[in-house]
């Protein structure tokens, strides 16, 4: 597996694929996921005979909120 970064996405792909093929697949995946409101974190492209297995992982979301969330919003009880 060759690992690279394409459009800000970590991609591990079978070495038998050309960079153009990999870029096209990642572009299509990114377009679909963006349409669904999700972000791709990582992609693995594996050749299996005449088929391609595309494993796509969603980017984790990290959000910090204060422990006293209501107080921070000005909603003191």
PDB file of N, CA and C in Angstrom:
ATOM      1  N   UNK A   1       0.834  -1.182   0.000  1.00  0.00           N
ATOM      2  CA  UNK A   1       0.000   0.000   0.000  1.00  0.00           C
ATOM      3  C   UNK A   1       0.879   1.246   0.000  1.00  0.00           C
ATOM      4  N   UNK A   2       0.555   2.154  -0.876  1.00  0.00           N
ATOM      5  CA  UNK A   2       1.225   3.454  -0.915  1.00  0.00           C
ATOM      6  C   UNK A   2       0.339   4.464  -0.202  1.00  0.00           C
ATOM      7  N   UNK A   3       0.926   5.252   0.676  1.00  0.00           N
ATOM      8  CA  UNK A   3       0.164   6.244   1.422  1.00  0.00           C
ATOM      9  C   UNK A   3       0.545   7.643   0.948  1.00  0.00           C
ATOM     10  N   UNK A   4      -0.478   8.474   0.758  1.00  0.00           N
ATOM     11  CA  UNK A   4      -0.269   9.840   0.318  1.00  0.00           C
ATOM     12  C   UNK A   4      -1.392  10.726   0.850  1.00  0.00           C
ATOM     13  N   UNK A   5      -1.272  12.008   0.649  1.00  0.00           N
ATOM     14  CA  UNK A   5      -2.318  12.960   1.021  1.00  0.00           C
ATOM     15  C   UNK A   5      -2.887  13.541  -0.270  1.00  0.00           C
ATOM     16  N   UNK A   6      -4.193  13.431  -0.447  1.00  0.00           N
ATOM     17  CA  UNK A   6      -4.864  13.976  -1.620  1.00  0.00           C
ATOM     18  C   UNK A   6      -6.012  14.845  -1.132  1.00  0.00           C
ATOM     19  N   UNK A   7      -6.019  16.102  -1.534  1.00  0.00           N
ATOM     20  CA  UNK A   7      -7.049  17.060  -1.133  1.00  0.00           C
ATOM     21  C   UNK A   7      -7.221  17.093   0.386  1.00  0.00           C
ATOM     22  N   UNK A   8      -6.113  16.966   1.101  1.00  0.00           N
ATOM     23  CA  UNK A   8      -6.142  17.011   2.561  1.00  0.00           C
ATOM     24  C   UNK A   8      -6.603  15.729   3.225  1.00  0.00           C
ATOM     25  N   UNK A   9      -6.724  14.650   2.453  1.00  0.00           N
ATOM     26  CA  UNK A   9      -7.208  13.368   2.965  1.00  0.00           C
ATOM     27  C   UNK A   9      -6.080  12.342   2.890  1.00  0.00           C
ATOM     28  N   UNK A  10      -5.868  11.606   3.974  1.00  0.00           N
ATOM     29  CA  UNK A  10      -4.882  10.531   3.980  1.00  0.00           C
ATOM     30  C   UNK A  10      -5.425   9.358   3.161  1.00  0.00           C
ATOM     31  N   UNK A  11      -4.637   8.933   2.165  1.00  0.00           N
ATOM     32  CA  UNK A  11      -5.083   7.870   1.262  1.00  0.00           C
ATOM     33  C   UNK A  11      -4.031   6.774   1.199  1.00  0.00           C
ATOM     34  N   UNK A  12      -4.447   5.548   1.492  1.00  0.00           N
ATOM     35  CA  UNK A  12      -3.604   4.366   1.315  1.00  0.00           C
ATOM     36  C   UNK A  12      -4.189   3.593   0.146  1.00  0.00           C
ATOM     37  N   UNK A  13      -3.380   3.409  -0.906  1.00  0.00           N
ATOM     38  CA  UNK A  13      -3.912   2.781  -2.123  1.00  0.00           C
ATOM     39  C   UNK A  13      -2.990   1.677  -2.618  1.00  0.00           C
ATOM     40  N   UNK A  14      -3.604   0.734  -3.301  1.00  0.00           N
ATOM     41  CA  UNK A  14      -2.881  -0.363  -3.914  1.00  0.00           C
ATOM     42  C   UNK A  14      -1.884   0.210  -4.923  1.00  0.00           C
ATOM     43  N   UNK A  15      -0.637  -0.269  -4.921  1.00  0.00           N
ATOM     44  CA  UNK A  15       0.375   0.279  -5.833  1.00  0.00           C
ATOM     45  C   UNK A  15       0.095   0.017  -7.309  1.00  0.00           C
ATOM     46  N   UNK A  16      -0.830  -0.875  -7.623  1.00  0.00           N
ATOM     47  CA  UNK A  16      -1.141  -1.153  -9.024  1.00  0.00           C
ATOM     48  C   UNK A  16      -2.002  -0.054  -9.654  1.00  0.00           C
ATOM     49  N   UNK A  17      -2.543   0.864  -8.847  1.00  0.00           N
ATOM     50  CA  UNK A  17      -3.359   1.955  -9.373  1.00  0.00           C
ATOM     51  C   UNK A  17      -2.489   3.171  -9.677  1.00  0.00           C
ATOM     52  N   UNK A  18      -2.857   3.893 -10.729  1.00  0.00           N
ATOM     53  CA  UNK A  18      -2.115   5.112 -11.067  1.00  0.00           C
ATOM     54  C   UNK A  18      -2.559   6.252 -10.149  1.00  0.00           C
ATOM     55  N   UNK A  19      -1.721   7.264 -10.049  1.00  0.00           N
ATOM     56  CA  UNK A  19      -2.050   8.425  -9.230  1.00  0.00           C
ATOM     57  C   UNK A  19      -3.318   9.099  -9.762  1.00  0.00           C
ATOM     58  N   UNK A  20      -3.493   9.098 -11.069  1.00  0.00           N
ATOM     59  CA  UNK A  20      -4.691   9.694 -11.682  1.00  0.00           C
ATOM     60  C   UNK A  20      -5.957   8.936 -11.269  1.00  0.00           C
ATOM     61  N   UNK A  21      -5.901   7.605 -11.276  1.00  0.00           N
ATOM     62  CA  UNK A  21      -7.050   6.798 -10.856  1.00  0.00           C
ATOM     63  C   UNK A  21      -7.391   7.061  -9.388  1.00  0.00           C
ATOM     64  N   UNK A  22      -6.369   7.103  -8.561  1.00  0.00           N
ATOM     65  CA  UNK A  22      -6.574   7.326  -7.125  1.00  0.00           C
ATOM     66  C   UNK A  22      -7.182   8.700  -6.890  1.00  0.00           C
ATOM     67  N   UNK A  23      -6.638   9.712  -7.538  1.00  0.00           N
ATOM     68  CA  UNK A  23      -7.150  11.079  -7.382  1.00  0.00           C
ATOM     69  C   UNK A  23      -8.605  11.181  -7.821  1.00  0.00           C
ATOM     70  N   UNK A  24      -8.960  10.519  -8.913  1.00  0.00           N
ATOM     71  CA  UNK A  24     -10.335  10.543  -9.409  1.00  0.00           C
ATOM     72  C   UNK A  24     -11.288   9.889  -8.401  1.00  0.00           C
ATOM     73  N   UNK A  25     -10.896   8.745  -7.847  1.00  0.00           N
ATOM     74  CA  UNK A  25     -11.732   8.060  -6.861  1.00  0.00           C
ATOM     75  C   UNK A  25     -11.924   8.916  -5.613  1.00  0.00           C
ATOM     76  N   UNK A  26     -10.848   9.516  -5.126  1.00  0.00           N
ATOM     77  CA  UNK A  26     -10.929  10.353  -3.932  1.00  0.00           C
ATOM     78  C   UNK A  26     -11.803  11.574  -4.195  1.00  0.00           C
ATOM     79  N   UNK A  27     -11.662  12.166  -5.365  1.00  0.00           N
ATOM     80  CA  UNK A  27     -12.473  13.331  -5.723  1.00  0.00           C
ATOM     81  C   UNK A  27     -13.959  12.982  -5.722  1.00  0.00           C
ATOM     82  N   UNK A  28     -14.322  11.843  -6.300  1.00  0.00           N
ATOM     83  CA  UNK A  28     -15.721  11.406  -6.336  1.00  0.00           C
ATOM     84  C   UNK A  28     -16.249  11.118  -4.926  1.00  0.00           C
ATOM     85  N   UNK A  29     -15.431  10.448  -4.112  1.00  0.00           N
ATOM     86  CA  UNK A  29     -15.832  10.165  -2.733  1.00  0.00           C
ATOM     87  C   UNK A  29     -16.046  11.455  -1.949  1.00  0.00           C
ATOM     88  N   UNK A  30     -15.107  12.389  -2.095  1.00  0.00           N
ATOM     89  CA  UNK A  30     -15.203  13.655  -1.370  1.00  0.00           C
ATOM     90  C   UNK A  30     -16.457  14.426  -1.778  1.00  0.00           C
ATOM     91  N   UNK A  31     -16.749  14.430  -3.076  1.00  0.00           N
ATOM     92  CA  UNK A  31     -17.950  15.108  -3.563  1.00  0.00           C
ATOM     93  C   UNK A  31     -19.214  14.497  -2.950  1.00  0.00           C
ATOM     94  N   UNK A  32     -19.297  13.184  -2.939  1.00  0.00           N
ATOM     95  CA  UNK A  32     -20.463  12.488  -2.379  1.00  0.00           C
ATOM     96  C   UNK A  32     -20.598  12.763  -0.886  1.00  0.00           C
ATOM     97  N   UNK A  33     -19.507  12.647  -0.169  1.00  0.00           N
ATOM     98  CA  UNK A  33     -19.553  12.858   1.282  1.00  0.00           C
ATOM     99  C   UNK A  33     -19.887  14.298   1.625  1.00  0.00           C
ATOM    100  N   UNK A  34     -19.353  15.258   0.862  1.00  0.00           N
ATOM    101  CA  UNK A  34     -19.662  16.666   1.104  1.00  0.00           C
ATOM    102  C   UNK A  34     -21.143  16.911   0.888  1.00  0.00           C
ATOM    103  N   UNK A  35     -21.700  16.298  -0.124  1.00  0.00           N
ATOM    104  CA  UNK A  35     -23.128  16.420  -0.417  1.00  0.00           C
ATOM    105  C   UNK A  35     -23.958  15.913   0.767  1.00  0.00           C
ATOM    106  N   UNK A  36     -23.469  14.878   1.437  1.00  0.00           N
ATOM    107  CA  UNK A  36     -24.164  14.302   2.598  1.00  0.00           C
ATOM    108  C   UNK A  36     -23.852  15.054   3.895  1.00  0.00           C
ATOM    109  N   UNK A  37     -22.973  16.052   3.831  1.00  0.00           N
ATOM    110  CA  UNK A  37     -22.631  16.832   5.017  1.00  0.00           C
ATOM    111  C   UNK A  37     -21.627  16.164   5.930  1.00  0.00           C
ATOM    112  N   UNK A  38     -20.831  15.243   5.377  1.00  0.00           N
ATOM    113  CA  UNK A  38     -19.827  14.536   6.174  1.00  0.00           C
ATOM    114  C   UNK A  38     -18.439  14.866   5.657  1.00  0.00           C
ATOM    115  N   UNK A  39     -17.428  14.620   6.486  1.00  0.00           N
ATOM    116  CA  UNK A  39     -16.042  14.861   6.087  1.00  0.00           C
ATOM    117  C   UNK A  39     -15.263  13.561   6.112  1.00  0.00           C
ATOM    118  N   UNK A  40     -14.496  13.333   5.053  1.00  0.00           N
ATOM    119  CA  UNK A  40     -13.652  12.138   4.984  1.00  0.00           C
ATOM    120  C   UNK A  40     -12.373  12.388   5.768  1.00  0.00           C
ATOM    121  N   UNK A  41     -12.015  11.424   6.601  1.00  0.00           N
ATOM    122  CA  UNK A  41     -10.779  11.511   7.353  1.00  0.00           C
ATOM    123  C   UNK A  41      -9.666  10.682   6.732  1.00  0.00           C
ATOM    124  N   UNK A  42     -10.051   9.526   6.147  1.00  0.00           N
ATOM    125  CA  UNK A  42      -9.052   8.617   5.590  1.00  0.00           C
ATOM    126  C   UNK A  42      -9.714   7.694   4.579  1.00  0.00           C
ATOM    127  N   UNK A  43      -8.964   7.285   3.551  1.00  0.00           N
ATOM    128  CA  UNK A  43      -9.469   6.367   2.523  1.00  0.00           C
ATOM    129  C   UNK A  43      -8.437   5.268   2.307  1.00  0.00           C
ATOM    130  N   UNK A  44      -8.925   4.038   2.160  1.00  0.00           N
ATOM    131  CA  UNK A  44      -8.079   2.907   1.770  1.00  0.00           C
ATOM    132  C   UNK A  44      -8.669   2.328   0.494  1.00  0.00           C
ATOM    133  N   UNK A  45      -7.824   2.150  -0.521  1.00  0.00           N
ATOM    134  CA  UNK A  45      -8.264   1.596  -1.799  1.00  0.00           C
ATOM    135  C   UNK A  45      -7.483   0.309  -2.029  1.00  0.00           C
ATOM    136  N   UNK A  46      -8.214  -0.813  -2.089  1.00  0.00           N
ATOM    137  CA  UNK A  46      -7.596  -2.126  -2.191  1.00  0.00           C
ATOM    138  C   UNK A  46      -8.129  -2.830  -3.439  1.00  0.00           C
ATOM    139  N   UNK A  47      -7.219  -3.324  -4.276  1.00  0.00           N
ATOM    140  CA  UNK A  47      -7.614  -4.104  -5.455  1.00  0.00           C
ATOM    141  C   UNK A  47      -7.885  -5.539  -5.028  1.00  0.00           C
ATOM    142  N   UNK A  48      -9.025  -6.049  -5.481  1.00  0.00           N
ATOM    143  CA  UNK A  48      -9.395  -7.436  -5.204  1.00  0.00           C
ATOM    144  C   UNK A  48      -9.865  -8.058  -6.517  1.00  0.00           C
ATOM    145  N   UNK A  49      -8.920  -8.588  -7.284  1.00  0.00           N
ATOM    146  CA  UNK A  49      -9.249  -9.134  -8.590  1.00  0.00           C
ATOM    147  C   UNK A  49      -9.669  -8.010  -9.530  1.00  0.00           C
ATOM    148  N   UNK A  50     -10.891  -8.098 -10.045  1.00  0.00           N
ATOM    149  CA  UNK A  50     -11.430  -7.081 -10.954  1.00  0.00           C
ATOM    150  C   UNK A  50     -12.250  -6.033 -10.225  1.00  0.00           C
ATOM    151  N   UNK A  51     -12.201  -6.058  -8.914  1.00  0.00           N
ATOM    152  CA  UNK A  51     -12.985  -5.119  -8.104  1.00  0.00           C
ATOM    153  C   UNK A  51     -12.053  -4.248  -7.261  1.00  0.00           C
ATOM    154  N   UNK A  52     -12.574  -3.084  -6.851  1.00  0.00           N
ATOM    155  CA  UNK A  52     -11.873  -2.217  -5.916  1.00  0.00           C
ATOM    156  C   UNK A  52     -12.670  -2.153  -4.629  1.00  0.00           C
ATOM    157  N   UNK A  53     -12.003  -2.321  -3.510  1.00  0.00           N
ATOM    158  CA  UNK A  53     -12.635  -2.126  -2.207  1.00  0.00           C
ATOM    159  C   UNK A  53     -12.249  -0.737  -1.727  1.00  0.00           C
ATOM    160  N   UNK A  54     -13.243   0.119  -1.505  1.00  0.00           N
ATOM    161  CA  UNK A  54     -13.007   1.468  -1.020  1.00  0.00           C
ATOM    162  C   UNK A  54     -13.469   1.535   0.429  1.00  0.00           C
ATOM    163  N   UNK A  55     -12.521   1.708   1.327  1.00  0.00           N
ATOM    164  CA  UNK A  55     -12.830   1.848   2.745  1.00  0.00           C
ATOM    165  C   UNK A  55     -12.672   3.323   3.089  1.00  0.00           C
ATOM    166  N   UNK A  56     -13.751   3.943   3.507  1.00  0.00           N
ATOM    167  CA  UNK A  56     -13.739   5.372   3.778  1.00  0.00           C
ATOM    168  C   UNK A  56     -14.096   5.600   5.236  1.00  0.00           C
ATOM    169  N   UNK A  57     -13.270   6.378   5.921  1.00  0.00           N
ATOM    170  CA  UNK A  57     -13.458   6.634   7.343  1.00  0.00           C
ATOM    171  C   UNK A  57     -13.820   8.103   7.549  1.00  0.00           C
ATOM    172  N   UNK A  58     -14.821   8.321   8.367  1.00  0.00           N
ATOM    173  CA  UNK A  58     -15.265   9.678   8.638  1.00  0.00           C
ATOM    174  C   UNK A  58     -14.299  10.379   9.587  1.00  0.00           C
ATOM    175  N   UNK A  59     -14.095  11.661   9.331  1.00  0.00           N
ATOM    176  CA  UNK A  59     -13.223  12.480  10.173  1.00  0.00           C
ATOM    177  C   UNK A  59     -13.888  12.637  11.538  1.00  0.00           C
ATOM    178  N   UNK A  60     -13.148  12.366  12.605  1.00  0.00           N
ATOM    179  CA  UNK A  60     -13.736  12.526  13.935  1.00  0.00           C
ATOM    180  C   UNK A  60     -14.037  13.998  14.222  1.00  0.00           C
ATOM    181  N   UNK A  61     -15.085  14.209  14.968  1.00  0.00           N
ATOM    182  CA  UNK A  61     -15.474  15.567  15.335  1.00  0.00           C
ATOM    183  C   UNK A  61     -15.146  15.776  16.806  1.00  0.00           C
ATOM    184  N   UNK A  62     -14.445  16.847  17.087  1.00  0.00           N
ATOM    185  CA  UNK A  62     -14.079  17.175  18.451  1.00  0.00           C
ATOM    186  C   UNK A  62     -14.657  18.540  18.772  1.00  0.00           C
ATOM    187  N   UNK A  63     -15.393  18.610  19.852  1.00  0.00           N
ATOM    188  CA  UNK A  63     -15.989  19.873  20.252  1.00  0.00           C
ATOM    189  C   UNK A  63     -15.830  20.020  21.754  1.00  0.00           C
ATOM    190  N   UNK A  64     -15.402  21.200  22.187  1.00  0.00           N
ATOM    191  CA  UNK A  64     -15.249  21.489  23.611  1.00  0.00           C
ATOM    192  C   UNK A  64     -16.366  22.408  24.053  1.00  0.00           C
ATOM    193  N   UNK A  65     -17.024  22.029  25.124  1.00  0.00           N
ATOM    194  CA  UNK A  65     -18.026  22.895  25.726  1.00  0.00           C
ATOM    195  C   UNK A  65     -17.733  22.977  27.216  1.00  0.00           C
ATOM    196  N   UNK A  66     -18.062  24.115  27.829  1.00  0.00           N
ATOM    197  CA  UNK A  66     -17.802  24.244  29.263  1.00  0.00           C
ATOM    198  C   UNK A  66     -18.666  23.277  30.068  1.00  0.00           C
ATOM    199  N   UNK A  67     -18.164  22.874  31.223  1.00  0.00           N
ATOM    200  CA  UNK A  67     -18.880  21.959  32.094  1.00  0.00           C
ATOM    201  C   UNK A  67     -20.221  22.539  32.505  1.00  0.00           C
ATOM    202  N   UNK A  68     -20.246  23.829  32.778  1.00  0.00           N
ATOM    203  CA  UNK A  68     -21.492  24.518  33.133  1.00  0.00           C
ATOM    204  C   UNK A  68     -22.042  25.207  31.892  1.00  0.00           C
ATOM    205  N   UNK A  69     -22.514  24.425  30.946  1.00  0.00           N
ATOM    206  CA  UNK A  69     -22.940  24.920  29.639  1.00  0.00           C
ATOM    207  C   UNK A  69     -24.024  25.989  29.745  1.00  0.00           C
ATOM    208  N   UNK A  70     -25.033  25.769  30.588  1.00  0.00           N
ATOM    209  CA  UNK A  70     -26.119  26.734  30.716  1.00  0.00           C
ATOM    210  C   UNK A  70     -25.636  28.067  31.276  1.00  0.00           C
ATOM    211  N   UNK A  71     -24.691  28.038  32.226  1.00  0.00           N
ATOM    212  CA  UNK A  71     -24.143  29.261  32.794  1.00  0.00           C
ATOM    213  C   UNK A  71     -23.347  30.042  31.742  1.00  0.00           C
ATOM    214  N   UNK A  72     -22.630  29.327  30.899  1.00  0.00           N
ATOM    215  CA  UNK A  72     -21.844  29.986  29.872  1.00  0.00           C
ATOM    216  C   UNK A  72     -22.722  30.690  28.854  1.00  0.00           C
ATOM    217  N   UNK A  73     -23.949  30.196  28.661  1.00  0.00           N
ATOM    218  CA  UNK A  73     -24.884  30.820  27.737  1.00  0.00           C
ATOM    219  C   UNK A  73     -25.654  31.957  28.406  1.00  0.00           C
ATOM    220  N   UNK A  74     -25.437  32.164  29.701  1.00  0.00           N
ATOM    221  CA  UNK A  74     -26.126  33.231  30.417  1.00  0.00           C
ATOM    222  C   UNK A  74     -27.476  32.805  30.976  1.00  0.00           C
ATOM    223  N   UNK A  75     -27.694  31.513  31.093  1.00  0.00           N
ATOM    224  CA  UNK A  75     -28.953  30.979  31.599  1.00  0.00           C
ATOM    225  C   UNK A  75     -28.767  30.487  33.021  1.00  0.00           C
ATOM    226  N   UNK A  76     -28.441  31.362  33.930  1.00  0.00           N
ATOM    227  CA  UNK A  76     -28.229  30.970  35.330  1.00  0.00           C
ATOM    228  C   UNK A  76     -29.550  30.536  35.964  1.00  0.00           C
ATOM    229  N   UNK A  77     -29.470  29.475  36.715  1.00  0.00           N
ATOM    230  CA  UNK A  77     -30.679  28.963  37.377  1.00  0.00           C
ATOM    231  C   UNK A  77     -30.709  29.413  38.812  1.00  0.00           C
TER     232      UNK A  77
END
